[in-house]
Amino acid sequence: MQVKVYPLPFLNDDALDEMGNLEVPTGATLRDVYKKLQVPLLLRPVLLCSVNYEKSSLDRVLQEGDVISFFFPITGG
């Protein structure tokens, strides 16, 4: 199945297609996406992730077409 990913610039986006979609197996979790995108271990405790624009835990099971975004707890404008 495919999910849409909006990665941060330092994440490995080689696994994404030209539209930003990531192929994951049925039953995949956000933790699996972290592994595919090679999120550095030091950043995992402070990097937040949302699925369909709602903050989610790494154990969330993904569904076809979910939208995944990454962000830090503090951002400025």
PDB file of N, CA and C in Angstrom:
ATOM      1  N   MET A   1       0.846  -1.179   0.000  1.00  0.00           N
ATOM      2  CA  MET A   1       0.000   0.000   0.000  1.00  0.00           C
ATOM      3  C   MET A   1       0.886   1.235   0.000  1.00  0.00           C
ATOM      4  N   GLN A   2       0.312   2.369  -0.353  1.00  0.00           N
ATOM      5  CA  GLN A   2       1.094   3.601  -0.411  1.00  0.00           C
ATOM      6  C   GLN A   2       0.579   4.624   0.587  1.00  0.00           C
ATOM      7  N   VAL A   3       1.535   5.359   1.178  1.00  0.00           N
ATOM      8  CA  VAL A   3       1.224   6.494   2.035  1.00  0.00           C
ATOM      9  C   VAL A   3       1.979   7.700   1.486  1.00  0.00           C
ATOM     10  N   LYS A   4       1.447   8.883   1.712  1.00  0.00           N
ATOM     11  CA  LYS A   4       2.079  10.131   1.264  1.00  0.00           C
ATOM     12  C   LYS A   4       2.943  10.648   2.406  1.00  0.00           C
ATOM     13  N   VAL A   5       4.189  11.023   2.096  1.00  0.00           N
ATOM     14  CA  VAL A   5       5.121  11.478   3.131  1.00  0.00           C
ATOM     15  C   VAL A   5       5.638  12.867   2.791  1.00  0.00           C
ATOM     16  N   TYR A   6       5.585  13.755   3.779  1.00  0.00           N
ATOM     17  CA  TYR A   6       6.209  15.072   3.680  1.00  0.00           C
ATOM     18  C   TYR A   6       7.435  15.044   4.590  1.00  0.00           C
ATOM     19  N   PRO A   7       8.609  14.657   4.060  1.00  0.00           N
ATOM     20  CA  PRO A   7       9.795  14.491   4.902  1.00  0.00           C
ATOM     21  C   PRO A   7      10.484  15.819   5.197  1.00  0.00           C
ATOM     22  N   LEU A   8      11.254  15.831   6.256  1.00  0.00           N
ATOM     23  CA  LEU A   8      12.140  16.962   6.533  1.00  0.00           C
ATOM     24  C   LEU A   8      13.359  16.832   5.629  1.00  0.00           C
ATOM     25  N   PRO A   9      14.066  17.938   5.368  1.00  0.00           N
ATOM     26  CA  PRO A   9      15.170  17.916   4.394  1.00  0.00           C
ATOM     27  C   PRO A   9      16.289  16.922   4.695  1.00  0.00           C
ATOM     28  N   PHE A  10      16.521  16.615   5.960  1.00  0.00           N
ATOM     29  CA  PHE A  10      17.648  15.747   6.307  1.00  0.00           C
ATOM     30  C   PHE A  10      17.283  14.264   6.292  1.00  0.00           C
ATOM     31  N   LEU A  11      16.034  13.931   6.021  1.00  0.00           N
ATOM     32  CA  LEU A  11      15.637  12.526   5.985  1.00  0.00           C
ATOM     33  C   LEU A  11      15.940  11.931   4.616  1.00  0.00           C
ATOM     34  N   ASN A  12      16.195  10.644   4.598  1.00  0.00           N
ATOM     35  CA  ASN A  12      16.507   9.940   3.354  1.00  0.00           C
ATOM     36  C   ASN A  12      15.212   9.735   2.566  1.00  0.00           C
ATOM     37  N   ASP A  13      15.038  10.512   1.517  1.00  0.00           N
ATOM     38  CA  ASP A  13      13.807  10.390   0.744  1.00  0.00           C
ATOM     39  C   ASP A  13      13.975   9.519  -0.504  1.00  0.00           C
ATOM     40  N   ASP A  14      15.045   8.742  -0.566  1.00  0.00           N
ATOM     41  CA  ASP A  14      15.273   7.855  -1.714  1.00  0.00           C
ATOM     42  C   ASP A  14      14.173   6.800  -1.861  1.00  0.00           C
ATOM     43  N   ALA A  15      13.518   6.458  -0.754  1.00  0.00           N
ATOM     44  CA  ALA A  15      12.466   5.441  -0.799  1.00  0.00           C
ATOM     45  C   ALA A  15      11.153   5.994  -1.354  1.00  0.00           C
ATOM     46  N   LEU A  16      11.059   7.316  -1.496  1.00  0.00           N
ATOM     47  CA  LEU A  16       9.829   7.945  -1.976  1.00  0.00           C
ATOM     48  C   LEU A  16       9.820   8.013  -3.499  1.00  0.00           C
ATOM     49  N   ASP A  17       8.636   7.912  -4.081  1.00  0.00           N
ATOM     50  CA  ASP A  17       8.548   8.118  -5.523  1.00  0.00           C
ATOM     51  C   ASP A  17       8.512   9.620  -5.811  1.00  0.00           C
ATOM     52  N   GLU A  18       8.380  10.000  -7.073  1.00  0.00           N
ATOM     53  CA  GLU A  18       8.453  11.416  -7.447  1.00  0.00           C
ATOM     54  C   GLU A  18       7.299  12.242  -6.872  1.00  0.00           C
ATOM     55  N   MET A  19       6.229  11.594  -6.432  1.00  0.00           N
ATOM     56  CA  MET A  19       5.086  12.297  -5.840  1.00  0.00           C
ATOM     57  C   MET A  19       5.136  12.299  -4.310  1.00  0.00           C
ATOM     58  N   GLY A  20       6.197  11.718  -3.739  1.00  0.00           N
ATOM     59  CA  GLY A  20       6.326  11.672  -2.286  1.00  0.00           C
ATOM     60  C   GLY A  20       5.605  10.508  -1.640  1.00  0.00           C
ATOM     61  N   ASN A  21       5.267   9.507  -2.429  1.00  0.00           N
ATOM     62  CA  ASN A  21       4.594   8.330  -1.888  1.00  0.00           C
ATOM     63  C   ASN A  21       5.620   7.281  -1.474  1.00  0.00           C
ATOM     64  N   LEU A  22       5.285   6.574  -0.417  1.00  0.00           N
ATOM     65  CA  LEU A  22       6.143   5.520   0.111  1.00  0.00           C
ATOM     66  C   LEU A  22       5.366   4.215   0.095  1.00  0.00           C
ATOM     67  N   GLU A  23       5.972   3.183  -0.434  1.00  0.00           N
ATOM     68  CA  GLU A  23       5.357   1.855  -0.453  1.00  0.00           C
ATOM     69  C   GLU A  23       5.672   1.160   0.867  1.00  0.00           C
ATOM     70  N   VAL A  24       4.631   0.737   1.587  1.00  0.00           N
ATOM     71  CA  VAL A  24       4.794   0.018   2.850  1.00  0.00           C
ATOM     72  C   VAL A  24       3.878  -1.201   2.826  1.00  0.00           C
ATOM     73  N   PRO A  25       4.232  -2.247   3.566  1.00  0.00           N
ATOM     74  CA  PRO A  25       3.366  -3.424   3.594  1.00  0.00           C
ATOM     75  C   PRO A  25       2.109  -3.163   4.424  1.00  0.00           C
ATOM     76  N   THR A  26       1.067  -3.903   4.157  1.00  0.00           N
ATOM     77  CA  THR A  26      -0.144  -3.825   4.970  1.00  0.00           C
ATOM     78  C   THR A  26       0.226  -4.120   6.419  1.00  0.00           C
ATOM     79  N   GLY A  27      -0.293  -3.321   7.339  1.00  0.00           N
ATOM     80  CA  GLY A  27       0.022  -3.488   8.755  1.00  0.00           C
ATOM     81  C   GLY A  27       1.238  -2.710   9.210  1.00  0.00           C
ATOM     82  N   ALA A  28       1.858  -1.945   8.303  1.00  0.00           N
ATOM     83  CA  ALA A  28       3.042  -1.153   8.666  1.00  0.00           C
ATOM     84  C   ALA A  28       2.660  -0.062   9.661  1.00  0.00           C
ATOM     85  N   THR A  29       3.637   0.312  10.490  1.00  0.00           N
ATOM     86  CA  THR A  29       3.438   1.367  11.478  1.00  0.00           C
ATOM     87  C   THR A  29       4.344   2.551  11.159  1.00  0.00           C
ATOM     88  N   LEU A  30       4.167   3.628  11.912  1.00  0.00           N
ATOM     89  CA  LEU A  30       5.062   4.774  11.752  1.00  0.00           C
ATOM     90  C   LEU A  30       6.501   4.386  12.043  1.00  0.00           C
ATOM     91  N   ARG A  31       6.696   3.462  12.952  1.00  0.00           N
ATOM     92  CA  ARG A  31       8.051   2.992  13.264  1.00  0.00           C
ATOM     93  C   ARG A  31       8.715   2.420  12.001  1.00  0.00           C
ATOM     94  N   ASP A  32       7.949   1.718  11.196  1.00  0.00           N
ATOM     95  CA  ASP A  32       8.469   1.175   9.934  1.00  0.00           C
ATOM     96  C   ASP A  32       8.853   2.296   8.970  1.00  0.00           C
ATOM     97  N   VAL A  33       8.061   3.363   8.939  1.00  0.00           N
ATOM     98  CA  VAL A  33       8.376   4.513   8.085  1.00  0.00           C
ATOM     99  C   VAL A  33       9.666   5.171   8.561  1.00  0.00           C
ATOM    100  N   TYR A  34       9.840   5.313   9.877  1.00  0.00           N
ATOM    101  CA  TYR A  34      11.081   5.879  10.428  1.00  0.00           C
ATOM    102  C   TYR A  34      12.281   5.083   9.927  1.00  0.00           C
ATOM    103  N   LYS A  35      12.157   3.756   9.929  1.00  0.00           N
ATOM    104  CA  LYS A  35      13.263   2.906   9.477  1.00  0.00           C
ATOM    105  C   LYS A  35      13.527   3.091   7.987  1.00  0.00           C
ATOM    106  N   LYS A  36      12.463   3.125   7.181  1.00  0.00           N
ATOM    107  CA  LYS A  36      12.639   3.283   5.728  1.00  0.00           C
ATOM    108  C   LYS A  36      13.264   4.625   5.375  1.00  0.00           C
ATOM    109  N   LEU A  37      12.919   5.667   6.137  1.00  0.00           N
ATOM    110  CA  LEU A  37      13.461   7.003   5.873  1.00  0.00           C
ATOM    111  C   LEU A  37      14.778   7.245   6.609  1.00  0.00           C
ATOM    112  N   GLN A  38      15.235   6.257   7.350  1.00  0.00           N
ATOM    113  CA  GLN A  38      16.500   6.321   8.085  1.00  0.00           C
ATOM    114  C   GLN A  38      16.559   7.543   9.004  1.00  0.00           C
ATOM    115  N   VAL A  39      15.504   7.718   9.809  1.00  0.00           N
ATOM    116  CA  VAL A  39      15.494   8.799  10.789  1.00  0.00           C
ATOM    117  C   VAL A  39      16.607   8.520  11.796  1.00  0.00           C
ATOM    118  N   PRO A  40      17.545   9.467  11.996  1.00  0.00           N
ATOM    119  CA  PRO A  40      18.653   9.242  12.929  1.00  0.00           C
ATOM    120  C   PRO A  40      18.151   8.922  14.342  1.00  0.00           C
ATOM    121  N   LEU A  41      18.800   7.962  14.991  1.00  0.00           N
ATOM    122  CA  LEU A  41      18.387   7.544  16.336  1.00  0.00           C
ATOM    123  C   LEU A  41      18.357   8.697  17.325  1.00  0.00           C
ATOM    124  N   LEU A  42      19.305   9.627  17.209  1.00  0.00           N
ATOM    125  CA  LEU A  42      19.346  10.753  18.145  1.00  0.00           C
ATOM    126  C   LEU A  42      18.151  11.684  17.992  1.00  0.00           C
ATOM    127  N   LEU A  43      17.535  11.712  16.834  1.00  0.00           N
ATOM    128  CA  LEU A  43      16.390  12.599  16.612  1.00  0.00           C
ATOM    129  C   LEU A  43      15.048  11.960  16.947  1.00  0.00           C
ATOM    130  N   ARG A  44      14.999  10.666  17.030  1.00  0.00           N
ATOM    131  CA  ARG A  44      13.717   9.987  17.233  1.00  0.00           C
ATOM    132  C   ARG A  44      12.966  10.443  18.482  1.00  0.00           C
ATOM    133  N   PRO A  45      13.651  10.705  19.606  1.00  0.00           N
ATOM    134  CA  PRO A  45      12.904  11.154  20.789  1.00  0.00           C
ATOM    135  C   PRO A  45      12.301  12.554  20.654  1.00  0.00           C
ATOM    136  N   VAL A  46      12.845  13.391  19.777  1.00  0.00           N
ATOM    137  CA  VAL A  46      12.364  14.776  19.684  1.00  0.00           C
ATOM    138  C   VAL A  46      11.608  15.078  18.391  1.00  0.00           C
ATOM    139  N   LEU A  47      11.616  14.170  17.460  1.00  0.00           N
ATOM    140  CA  LEU A  47      10.926  14.387  16.191  1.00  0.00           C
ATOM    141  C   LEU A  47       9.488  13.896  16.323  1.00  0.00           C
ATOM    142  N   LEU A  48       8.545  14.768  16.035  1.00  0.00           N
ATOM    143  CA  LEU A  48       7.136  14.401  16.115  1.00  0.00           C
ATOM    144  C   LEU A  48       6.626  14.042  14.728  1.00  0.00           C
ATOM    145  N   CYS A  49       5.581  13.263  14.719  1.00  0.00           N
ATOM    146  CA  CYS A  49       5.033  12.799  13.458  1.00  0.00           C
ATOM    147  C   CYS A  49       3.514  12.871  13.525  1.00  0.00           C
ATOM    148  N   SER A  50       2.915  13.271  12.425  1.00  0.00           N
ATOM    149  CA  SER A  50       1.459  13.281  12.357  1.00  0.00           C
ATOM    150  C   SER A  50       1.002  12.387  11.210  1.00  0.00           C
ATOM    151  N   VAL A  51      -0.161  11.809  11.402  1.00  0.00           N
ATOM    152  CA  VAL A  51      -0.817  11.032  10.354  1.00  0.00           C
ATOM    153  C   VAL A  51      -2.163  11.694  10.110  1.00  0.00           C
ATOM    154  N   ASN A  52      -2.377  12.088   8.875  1.00  0.00           N
ATOM    155  CA  ASN A  52      -3.599  12.806   8.510  1.00  0.00           C
ATOM    156  C   ASN A  52      -3.788  14.042   9.390  1.00  0.00           C
ATOM    157  N   TYR A  53      -2.668  14.708   9.658  1.00  0.00           N
ATOM    158  CA  TYR A  53      -2.605  15.990  10.371  1.00  0.00           C
ATOM    159  C   TYR A  53      -2.980  15.893  11.848  1.00  0.00           C
ATOM    160  N   GLU A  54      -2.875  14.698  12.426  1.00  0.00           N
ATOM    161  CA  GLU A  54      -3.070  14.492  13.858  1.00  0.00           C
ATOM    162  C   GLU A  54      -1.827  13.818  14.417  1.00  0.00           C
ATOM    163  N   LYS A  55      -1.316  14.342  15.547  1.00  0.00           N
ATOM    164  CA  LYS A  55      -0.127  13.761  16.174  1.00  0.00           C
ATOM    165  C   LYS A  55      -0.373  12.274  16.442  1.00  0.00           C
ATOM    166  N   SER A  56       0.631  11.461  16.141  1.00  0.00           N
ATOM    167  CA  SER A  56       0.465  10.017  16.251  1.00  0.00           C
ATOM    168  C   SER A  56       1.670   9.377  16.912  1.00  0.00           C
ATOM    169  N   SER A  57       1.441   8.226  17.519  1.00  0.00           N
ATOM    170  CA  SER A  57       2.536   7.466  18.118  1.00  0.00           C
ATOM    171  C   SER A  57       3.193   6.601  17.049  1.00  0.00           C
ATOM    172  N   LEU A  58       4.390   6.136  17.348  1.00  0.00           N
ATOM    173  CA  LEU A  58       5.129   5.299  16.402  1.00  0.00           C
ATOM    174  C   LEU A  58       4.474   3.939  16.177  1.00  0.00           C
ATOM    175  N   ASP A  59       3.577   3.548  17.064  1.00  0.00           N
ATOM    176  CA  ASP A  59       2.918   2.252  16.941  1.00  0.00           C
ATOM    177  C   ASP A  59       1.628   2.311  16.123  1.00  0.00           C
ATOM    178  N   ARG A  60       1.300   3.482  15.614  1.00  0.00           N
ATOM    179  CA  ARG A  60       0.067   3.614  14.827  1.00  0.00           C
ATOM    180  C   ARG A  60       0.173   2.796  13.542  1.00  0.00           C
ATOM    181  N   VAL A  61      -0.840   1.995  13.300  1.00  0.00           N
ATOM    182  CA  VAL A  61      -0.906   1.199  12.075  1.00  0.00           C
ATOM    183  C   VAL A  61      -1.435   2.097  10.961  1.00  0.00           C
ATOM    184  N   LEU A  62      -0.736   2.080   9.844  1.00  0.00           N
ATOM    185  CA  LEU A  62      -1.074   2.959   8.728  1.00  0.00           C
ATOM    186  C   LEU A  62      -2.111   2.331   7.810  1.00  0.00           C
ATOM    187  N   GLN A  63      -2.835   3.211   7.115  1.00  0.00           N
ATOM    188  CA  GLN A  63      -3.842   2.799   6.141  1.00  0.00           C
ATOM    189  C   GLN A  63      -3.463   3.351   4.769  1.00  0.00           C
ATOM    190  N   GLU A  64      -3.942   2.732   3.728  1.00  0.00           N
ATOM    191  CA  GLU A  64      -3.721   3.206   2.357  1.00  0.00           C
ATOM    192  C   GLU A  64      -4.103   4.682   2.245  1.00  0.00           C
ATOM    193  N   GLY A  65      -3.183   5.493   1.692  1.00  0.00           N
ATOM    194  CA  GLY A  65      -3.462   6.903   1.452  1.00  0.00           C
ATOM    195  C   GLY A  65      -3.233   7.832   2.630  1.00  0.00           C
ATOM    196  N   ASP A  66      -2.792   7.308   3.780  1.00  0.00           N
ATOM    197  CA  ASP A  66      -2.498   8.188   4.919  1.00  0.00           C
ATOM    198  C   ASP A  66      -1.463   9.231   4.519  1.00  0.00           C
ATOM    199  N   VAL A  67      -1.544  10.404   5.145  1.00  0.00           N
ATOM    200  CA  VAL A  67      -0.594  11.489   4.910  1.00  0.00           C
ATOM    201  C   VAL A  67       0.267  11.629   6.158  1.00  0.00           C
ATOM    202  N   ILE A  68       1.590  11.505   5.988  1.00  0.00           N
ATOM    203  CA  ILE A  68       2.529  11.533   7.109  1.00  0.00           C
ATOM    204  C   ILE A  68       3.392  12.778   7.008  1.00  0.00           C
ATOM    205  N   SER A  69       3.453  13.529   8.115  1.00  0.00           N
ATOM    206  CA  SER A  69       4.279  14.739   8.186  1.00  0.00           C
ATOM    207  C   SER A  69       5.173  14.651   9.409  1.00  0.00           C
ATOM    208  N   PHE A  70       6.358  15.234   9.299  1.00  0.00           N
ATOM    209  CA  PHE A  70       7.308  15.287  10.402  1.00  0.00           C
ATOM    210  C   PHE A  70       7.490  16.733  10.838  1.00  0.00           C
ATOM    211  N   PHE A  71       7.701  16.938  12.137  1.00  0.00           N
ATOM    212  CA  PHE A  71       7.946  18.287  12.641  1.00  0.00           C
ATOM    213  C   PHE A  71       8.615  18.202  14.007  1.00  0.00           C
ATOM    214  N   PHE A  72       9.231  19.308  14.399  1.00  0.00           N
ATOM    215  CA  PHE A  72       9.827  19.415  15.725  1.00  0.00           C
ATOM    216  C   PHE A  72       8.816  20.072  16.657  1.00  0.00           C
ATOM    217  N   PRO A  73       8.897  19.831  17.978  1.00  0.00           N
ATOM    218  CA  PRO A  73       7.907  20.371  18.901  1.00  0.00           C
ATOM    219  C   PRO A  73       7.838  21.900  18.908  1.00  0.00           C
ATOM    220  N   ILE A  74       8.931  22.562  18.600  1.00  0.00           N
ATOM    221  CA  ILE A  74       8.943  24.025  18.595  1.00  0.00           C
ATOM    222  C   ILE A  74       9.333  24.488  17.200  1.00  0.00           C
ATOM    223  N   THR A  75       8.484  25.305  16.613  1.00  0.00           N
ATOM    224  CA  THR A  75       8.795  25.888  15.314  1.00  0.00           C
ATOM    225  C   THR A  75       8.486  27.368  15.367  1.00  0.00           C
ATOM    226  N   GLY A  76       9.105  28.087  14.510  1.00  0.00           N
ATOM    227  CA  GLY A  76       8.880  29.536  14.497  1.00  0.00           C
ATOM    228  C   GLY A  76       8.337  29.991  13.165  1.00  0.00           C
ATOM    229  N   GLY A  77       7.956  31.251  13.141  1.00  0.00           N
ATOM    230  CA  GLY A  77       7.376  31.734  11.901  1.00  0.00           C
ATOM    231  C   GLY A  77       7.925  33.074  11.506  1.00  0.00           C
TER     232      GLY A  77
END
